[in-house]
Amino acid sequence: MLIKKSNEIPSSEITPKSAYLNRRTFMTGAAALGAVGLGVDRVAGMIEPQDEVEAAATKLQTVKSPLSTSGLELTSYKDITTYNNFYEFGVEKGDPAANAGHLKVRPWTVTVDGLVKQKKTVGIDELLSFRPIEERVYRHRCVEAWSMVIPWAGYSLSELINWAEPLPKAKYVQFLSLKDSSVMPGLQQIDLGWPYSEGLRMDEAMHPLTLLTFGLYGEVLPNQDGAPVRLVVPWKYGFKSAKSIVKIHFTSDQPRTAWNEMAPREYGFYSNVNPNVDHPRWSQKSERRIGASIFSQRQPTLMFNGYGDQVASLYNGMDLKKNF
């Protein structure tokens, strides 16, 4: 796979926001985030002065990343924000966009504990200031055999892990999401042993592609996409990328993970994208690209979602059909 700097991606590959963004609907979930970056240019006749102030509150200052994947047509903002799996807000694809607007993402803190030198609590603003926020275009592959191409904004999770100072005994990292029944109707619709839990082996968590994520398309994450902070692990199925994280726990033992615990035959702990290991109820050999034309919508699934050159060495000697 060829990797080149994201500033080499032709502007023609980026869907114009004016073609799909319903700004007022988006602001319902994002206005509470406060000012975290620079404003945007006013589009004559489209953005009123107050609208411009609100829009500025959603912007992130980003830098280009050499880890961005090039040559892919981006999925539109509309599709990314209206076709979601975020079961805390409902089990249907449109439920998160419909129900997540009441989630309050300020103030927000993340607790770091377990096998660390010292337990710490960090606020979202401090997380945003750790290092420059990078633009990274990643393939996003869902275990249900659909995919997107998303321009995420964040920085490598390793930056936070180094700050956390884990002890040598820490072999895994667990991520726990928010559990709030007052704003999350999905908690009553499905039992995933709430709060949602996911985990990575330490070397996976430290890999530079593993992204601590705060935004997409240059703006803060919409609530339905995991605001205000989530994980993105591009070579794994999407459910490994925990959303709305409130705790990061370092442990010597493999942590419980929600879908693996619910259905271990269907959802392995590693959950690497692998066209050679079918889900018990459907094939993983191909995927449906959301928003793509009818001629390019169905595509072959790539091993490790196309990131094999960078991550395959993490699994040397492992049976990836047994450790699926």
Protein backbone atom coordinates (compact mmCIF):
# COMPACT_ATOMS: atom_id res chain seq x y z
CA MET A 1 0.00 0.00 0.00
CA LEU A 2 1.31 3.44 -0.90
CA ILE A 3 1.40 6.07 1.85
CA LYS A 4 2.01 9.71 1.12
CA LYS A 5 1.34 12.96 2.87
CA SER A 6 -2.27 13.96 3.18
CA ASN A 7 -1.60 17.35 1.59
CA GLU A 8 -1.01 15.43 -1.63
CA ILE A 9 -4.63 14.26 -1.70
CA PRO A 10 -6.38 16.10 -4.55
CA SER A 11 -9.07 18.48 -3.39
CA SER A 12 -11.36 16.85 -5.93
CA GLU A 13 -11.43 13.76 -3.72
CA ILE A 14 -12.95 15.67 -0.82
CA THR A 15 -16.73 15.97 -0.94
CA PRO A 16 -17.74 19.66 -0.70
CA LYS A 17 -19.41 20.27 2.65
CA SER A 18 -21.99 22.56 1.08
CA ALA A 19 -23.36 19.55 -0.76
CA TYR A 20 -24.27 17.53 2.29
CA LEU A 21 -23.94 19.37 5.62
CA ASN A 22 -27.14 20.28 7.41
CA ARG A 23 -25.41 22.68 9.75
CA ARG A 24 -28.29 23.24 12.13
CA THR A 25 -28.81 19.55 12.77
CA PHE A 26 -25.10 19.08 13.43
CA MET A 27 -24.97 22.04 15.83
CA THR A 28 -27.54 20.38 18.10
CA GLY A 29 -24.85 17.94 19.15
CA ALA A 30 -21.73 20.11 18.75
CA ALA A 31 -22.52 23.62 20.04
CA ALA A 32 -21.86 22.61 23.65
CA LEU A 33 -18.21 21.87 22.91
CA GLY A 34 -17.06 25.48 23.21
CA ALA A 35 -14.27 27.11 21.23
CA VAL A 36 -11.45 24.68 20.52
CA GLY A 37 -9.94 26.14 17.39
CA LEU A 38 -10.12 28.74 14.66
CA GLY A 39 -13.17 30.01 12.84
CA VAL A 40 -14.26 29.27 9.31
CA ASP A 41 -14.67 31.58 6.36
CA ARG A 42 -18.17 32.88 5.87
CA VAL A 43 -19.94 31.48 2.83
CA ALA A 44 -21.88 34.41 1.40
CA GLY A 45 -25.63 34.03 1.79
CA MET A 46 -25.35 30.69 3.63
CA ILE A 47 -24.00 31.41 7.15
CA GLU A 48 -25.50 34.11 9.33
CA PRO A 49 -23.25 35.93 11.86
CA GLN A 50 -24.47 33.86 14.83
CA ASP A 51 -24.18 30.71 12.75
CA GLU A 52 -20.56 31.64 12.04
CA VAL A 53 -19.82 31.90 15.77
CA GLU A 54 -21.35 28.48 16.36
CA ALA A 55 -19.50 26.99 13.40
CA ALA A 56 -16.19 28.35 14.70
CA ALA A 57 -16.73 26.46 17.96
CA THR A 58 -16.58 23.17 16.10
CA LYS A 59 -13.30 23.74 14.25
CA LEU A 60 -10.02 22.02 15.05
CA GLN A 61 -6.57 23.32 14.17
CA THR A 62 -4.89 20.44 12.36
CA VAL A 63 -1.62 19.61 10.68
CA LYS A 64 -1.04 17.21 7.80
CA SER A 65 0.08 13.70 8.73
CA PRO A 66 2.48 11.46 6.78
CA LEU A 67 0.42 8.50 8.07
CA SER A 68 -2.62 9.55 6.05
CA THR A 69 -3.75 7.07 3.39
CA SER A 70 -3.91 8.58 -0.09
CA GLY A 71 -5.75 7.84 -3.31
CA LEU A 72 -9.14 7.06 -1.76
CA GLU A 73 -12.44 8.84 -2.30
CA LEU A 74 -13.66 10.19 1.02
CA THR A 75 -17.04 9.22 2.41
CA SER A 76 -19.29 12.27 2.74
CA TYR A 77 -19.76 13.97 6.10
CA LYS A 78 -23.47 13.24 5.83
CA ASP A 79 -22.95 9.48 5.52
CA ILE A 80 -20.32 9.41 8.27
CA THR A 81 -22.65 11.18 10.69
CA THR A 82 -25.97 9.50 9.86
CA TYR A 83 -24.97 5.85 9.34
CA ASN A 84 -23.48 4.76 12.66
CA ASN A 85 -23.02 1.93 15.09
CA PHE A 86 -23.16 3.45 18.59
CA TYR A 87 -25.39 1.07 20.48
CA GLU A 88 -25.65 3.24 23.59
CA PHE A 89 -27.93 5.44 21.48
CA GLY A 90 -29.87 2.69 19.72
CA VAL A 91 -29.43 -0.39 17.57
CA GLU A 92 -30.50 1.04 14.18
CA LYS A 93 -28.02 2.91 12.00
CA GLY A 94 -29.95 6.19 12.23
CA ASP A 95 -30.52 6.04 16.00
CA PRO A 96 -27.23 7.65 17.11
CA ALA A 97 -27.80 10.74 14.94
CA ALA A 98 -31.38 10.98 16.22
CA ASN A 99 -30.64 10.37 19.91
CA ALA A 100 -27.11 11.59 20.72
CA GLY A 101 -27.84 15.32 20.67
CA HIS A 102 -28.49 15.42 24.43
CA LEU A 103 -25.06 14.03 25.33
CA LYS A 104 -23.08 16.73 27.15
CA VAL A 105 -19.42 16.59 26.21
CA ARG A 106 -18.21 19.53 28.31
CA PRO A 107 -16.92 19.19 30.96
CA TRP A 108 -15.36 15.80 30.19
CA THR A 109 -12.58 13.93 31.93
CA VAL A 110 -10.75 10.67 31.27
CA THR A 111 -9.36 8.61 34.16
CA VAL A 112 -6.09 6.74 33.62
CA ASP A 113 -5.48 3.98 36.15
CA GLY A 114 -4.42 0.39 36.73
CA LEU A 115 -0.77 -0.53 36.27
CA VAL A 116 0.54 3.01 36.00
CA LYS A 117 3.07 4.96 38.02
CA GLN A 118 0.27 7.18 39.34
CA LYS A 119 -3.47 7.34 38.72
CA LYS A 120 -4.36 10.46 36.74
CA THR A 121 -7.43 12.32 35.54
CA VAL A 122 -7.17 14.49 32.45
CA GLY A 123 -9.68 16.91 30.95
CA ILE A 124 -10.59 17.09 27.28
CA ASP A 125 -8.88 20.47 26.80
CA GLU A 126 -5.62 19.12 28.19
CA LEU A 127 -5.90 16.09 25.91
CA LEU A 128 -6.34 18.40 22.96
CA SER A 129 -3.17 20.28 23.92
CA PHE A 130 -0.84 17.27 24.27
CA ARG A 131 0.47 17.63 20.73
CA PRO A 132 -0.68 18.98 17.34
CA ILE A 133 -3.91 17.44 16.04
CA GLU A 134 -3.22 15.57 12.81
CA GLU A 135 -5.45 14.98 9.80
CA ARG A 136 -5.38 11.29 8.89
CA VAL A 137 -7.45 9.66 6.18
CA TYR A 138 -8.13 6.05 7.19
CA ARG A 139 -10.18 3.22 5.83
CA HIS A 140 -12.90 2.28 8.31
CA ARG A 141 -14.21 -1.30 8.08
CA CYS A 142 -17.25 -2.57 9.97
CA VAL A 143 -17.64 -6.24 10.88
CA GLU A 144 -21.05 -6.09 9.15
CA ALA A 145 -19.14 -5.90 5.84
CA TRP A 146 -19.57 -2.20 5.06
CA SER A 147 -16.86 0.41 4.98
CA MET A 148 -16.10 4.14 4.76
CA VAL A 149 -13.08 6.36 4.16
CA ILE A 150 -12.89 8.96 6.91
CA PRO A 151 -10.61 11.98 7.44
CA TRP A 152 -10.08 11.68 11.20
CA ALA A 153 -8.36 14.26 13.42
CA GLY A 154 -6.21 13.24 16.38
CA TYR A 155 -2.76 12.01 17.32
CA SER A 156 -1.15 8.65 18.06
CA LEU A 157 -2.43 7.03 21.25
CA SER A 158 1.20 6.34 22.18
CA GLU A 159 1.52 10.02 23.14
CA LEU A 160 -1.04 9.57 25.90
CA ILE A 161 0.37 6.20 26.95
CA ASN A 162 3.83 7.68 27.39
CA TRP A 163 2.32 10.44 29.52
CA ALA A 164 0.44 7.83 31.59
CA GLU A 165 3.71 6.05 32.50
CA PRO A 166 2.48 2.43 32.54
CA LEU A 167 4.44 -0.08 34.62
CA PRO A 168 6.43 -2.85 32.90
CA LYS A 169 3.78 -5.38 34.01
CA ALA A 170 1.12 -3.66 31.88
CA LYS A 171 0.54 -5.85 28.82
CA TYR A 172 -2.92 -4.63 27.76
CA VAL A 173 -4.92 -1.41 27.66
CA GLN A 174 -8.66 -1.37 28.35
CA PHE A 175 -10.99 1.44 27.23
CA LEU A 176 -14.30 2.11 28.98
CA SER A 177 -17.02 4.28 27.46
CA LEU A 178 -19.55 6.52 29.11
CA LYS A 179 -22.62 4.85 30.62
CA ASP A 180 -25.47 7.33 31.18
CA SER A 181 -29.01 5.98 31.05
CA SER A 182 -30.46 9.49 31.19
CA VAL A 183 -29.29 10.22 27.63
CA MET A 184 -28.55 6.75 26.23
CA PRO A 185 -31.74 4.86 25.33
CA GLY A 186 -29.77 2.00 23.81
CA LEU A 187 -28.68 0.80 27.24
CA GLN A 188 -32.18 -0.65 27.62
CA GLN A 189 -32.33 -2.12 24.12
CA ILE A 190 -29.32 -4.43 24.20
CA ASP A 191 -27.16 -5.86 26.98
CA LEU A 192 -23.47 -5.43 26.26
CA GLY A 193 -22.41 -5.56 29.89
CA TRP A 194 -22.35 -1.78 30.08
CA PRO A 195 -20.24 0.27 30.24
CA TYR A 196 -18.88 -0.61 26.82
CA SER A 197 -15.41 -2.09 27.12
CA GLU A 198 -12.71 -2.66 24.53
CA GLY A 199 -9.04 -3.50 24.72
CA LEU A 200 -5.75 -3.74 22.87
CA ARG A 201 -2.47 -5.49 23.46
CA MET A 202 0.15 -2.94 24.48
CA ASP A 203 2.10 -3.17 21.22
CA GLU A 204 -1.12 -2.58 19.25
CA ALA A 205 -1.97 0.43 21.41
CA MET A 206 1.53 1.85 20.95
CA HIS A 207 1.54 1.44 17.16
CA PRO A 208 1.68 4.89 15.49
CA LEU A 209 -1.43 4.16 13.40
CA THR A 210 -3.59 3.78 16.54
CA LEU A 211 -5.27 7.15 16.78
CA LEU A 212 -6.66 8.98 19.80
CA THR A 213 -9.35 10.84 17.92
CA PHE A 214 -11.11 14.16 18.53
CA GLY A 215 -12.66 15.05 15.20
CA LEU A 216 -13.35 14.38 11.54
CA TYR A 217 -13.40 16.59 8.46
CA GLY A 218 -11.45 19.20 10.46
CA GLU A 219 -14.19 19.62 13.07
CA VAL A 220 -14.81 18.17 16.52
CA LEU A 221 -16.46 14.76 16.63
CA PRO A 222 -20.23 14.83 16.38
CA ASN A 223 -21.84 13.10 19.35
CA GLN A 224 -23.00 10.18 17.23
CA ASP A 225 -19.42 9.49 16.14
CA GLY A 226 -18.00 9.16 19.65
CA ALA A 227 -17.54 12.70 21.00
CA PRO A 228 -15.50 14.10 22.54
CA VAL A 229 -12.75 11.47 22.35
CA ARG A 230 -12.62 8.01 20.81
CA LEU A 231 -10.18 5.43 19.52
CA VAL A 232 -9.54 4.58 15.86
CA VAL A 233 -7.61 1.39 15.08
CA PRO A 234 -7.71 1.26 11.28
CA TRP A 235 -6.62 -2.34 10.71
CA LYS A 236 -9.33 -3.74 13.01
CA TYR A 237 -13.10 -3.93 12.69
CA GLY A 238 -14.81 -0.74 13.80
CA PHE A 239 -16.22 -2.04 17.10
CA LYS A 240 -12.65 -2.19 18.47
CA SER A 241 -12.52 1.62 18.34
CA ALA A 242 -14.18 2.61 21.61
CA LYS A 243 -16.25 5.81 21.62
CA SER A 244 -16.88 8.51 24.25
CA ILE A 245 -14.03 7.21 26.41
CA VAL A 246 -14.08 7.97 30.15
CA LYS A 247 -11.44 5.52 31.44
CA ILE A 248 -8.19 4.01 30.18
CA HIS A 249 -7.05 1.09 32.33
CA PHE A 250 -3.67 -0.67 32.12
CA THR A 251 -3.61 -4.34 33.07
CA SER A 252 -1.43 -7.44 32.92
CA ASP A 253 -4.37 -9.61 31.83
CA GLN A 254 -6.41 -9.58 28.64
CA PRO A 255 -9.40 -7.36 29.49
CA ARG A 256 -13.04 -8.20 28.90
CA THR A 257 -14.40 -6.68 25.72
CA ALA A 258 -18.09 -6.14 25.08
CA TRP A 259 -18.77 -8.00 21.84
CA ASN A 260 -16.29 -10.80 22.53
CA GLU A 261 -17.95 -11.42 25.88
CA MET A 262 -21.45 -11.32 24.39
CA ALA A 263 -20.71 -13.64 21.43
CA PRO A 264 -17.17 -15.08 21.54
CA ARG A 265 -17.78 -17.33 18.53
CA GLU A 266 -18.57 -14.29 16.37
CA TYR A 267 -16.28 -11.57 17.74
CA GLY A 268 -12.69 -12.41 18.65
CA PHE A 269 -10.53 -10.31 20.92
CA TYR A 270 -8.16 -9.29 18.12
CA SER A 271 -10.78 -8.63 15.44
CA ASN A 272 -8.25 -7.85 12.73
CA VAL A 273 -9.82 -7.29 9.33
CA ASN A 274 -9.27 -10.66 7.63
CA PRO A 275 -11.08 -11.73 4.46
CA ASN A 276 -10.08 -15.34 5.18
CA VAL A 277 -12.05 -15.54 8.43
CA ASP A 278 -15.77 -15.25 7.84
CA HIS A 279 -18.24 -14.12 10.42
CA PRO A 280 -20.39 -17.19 11.23
CA ARG A 281 -23.37 -15.50 9.59
CA TRP A 282 -21.80 -13.78 6.56
CA SER A 283 -18.71 -13.61 4.40
CA GLN A 284 -15.94 -11.10 5.03
CA LYS A 285 -14.38 -11.47 1.58
CA SER A 286 -15.97 -8.28 0.26
CA GLU A 287 -17.39 -5.04 1.62
CA ARG A 288 -19.92 -2.38 0.63
CA ARG A 289 -18.45 1.11 0.51
CA ILE A 290 -21.07 3.49 1.91
CA GLY A 291 -21.84 6.35 -0.46
CA ALA A 292 -19.81 4.98 -3.37
CA SER A 293 -21.22 4.75 -6.88
CA ILE A 294 -23.01 1.57 -7.90
CA PHE A 295 -19.96 0.62 -9.99
CA SER A 296 -17.47 0.82 -7.10
CA GLN A 297 -19.65 0.15 -4.09
CA ARG A 298 -18.76 -3.56 -3.69
CA GLN A 299 -15.03 -4.03 -3.13
CA PRO A 300 -12.75 -6.88 -2.05
CA THR A 301 -11.77 -6.85 1.61
CA LEU A 302 -8.07 -6.19 2.16
CA MET A 303 -6.06 -8.08 4.75
CA PHE A 304 -5.58 -5.85 7.79
CA ASN A 305 -7.85 -3.41 5.95
CA GLY A 306 -4.93 -2.52 3.69
CA TYR A 307 -2.50 -1.71 6.50
CA GLY A 308 -0.61 -5.01 6.44
CA ASP A 309 2.73 -3.44 5.50
CA GLN A 310 2.64 -1.50 8.75
CA VAL A 311 1.02 -3.93 11.22
CA ALA A 312 1.40 -7.54 10.05
CA SER A 313 4.63 -7.92 12.04
CA LEU A 314 2.64 -7.47 15.26
CA TYR A 315 1.19 -10.93 14.70
CA ASN A 316 4.22 -12.91 13.56
CA GLY A 317 3.82 -16.54 14.57
CA MET A 318 0.14 -16.21 15.49
CA ASP A 319 -2.62 -18.31 13.94
CA LEU A 320 -4.94 -15.54 12.78
CA LYS A 321 -7.81 -17.97 12.21
CA LYS A 322 -7.63 -19.08 15.83
CA ASN A 323 -6.78 -15.61 17.14
CA PHE A 324 -9.45 -13.88 15.09
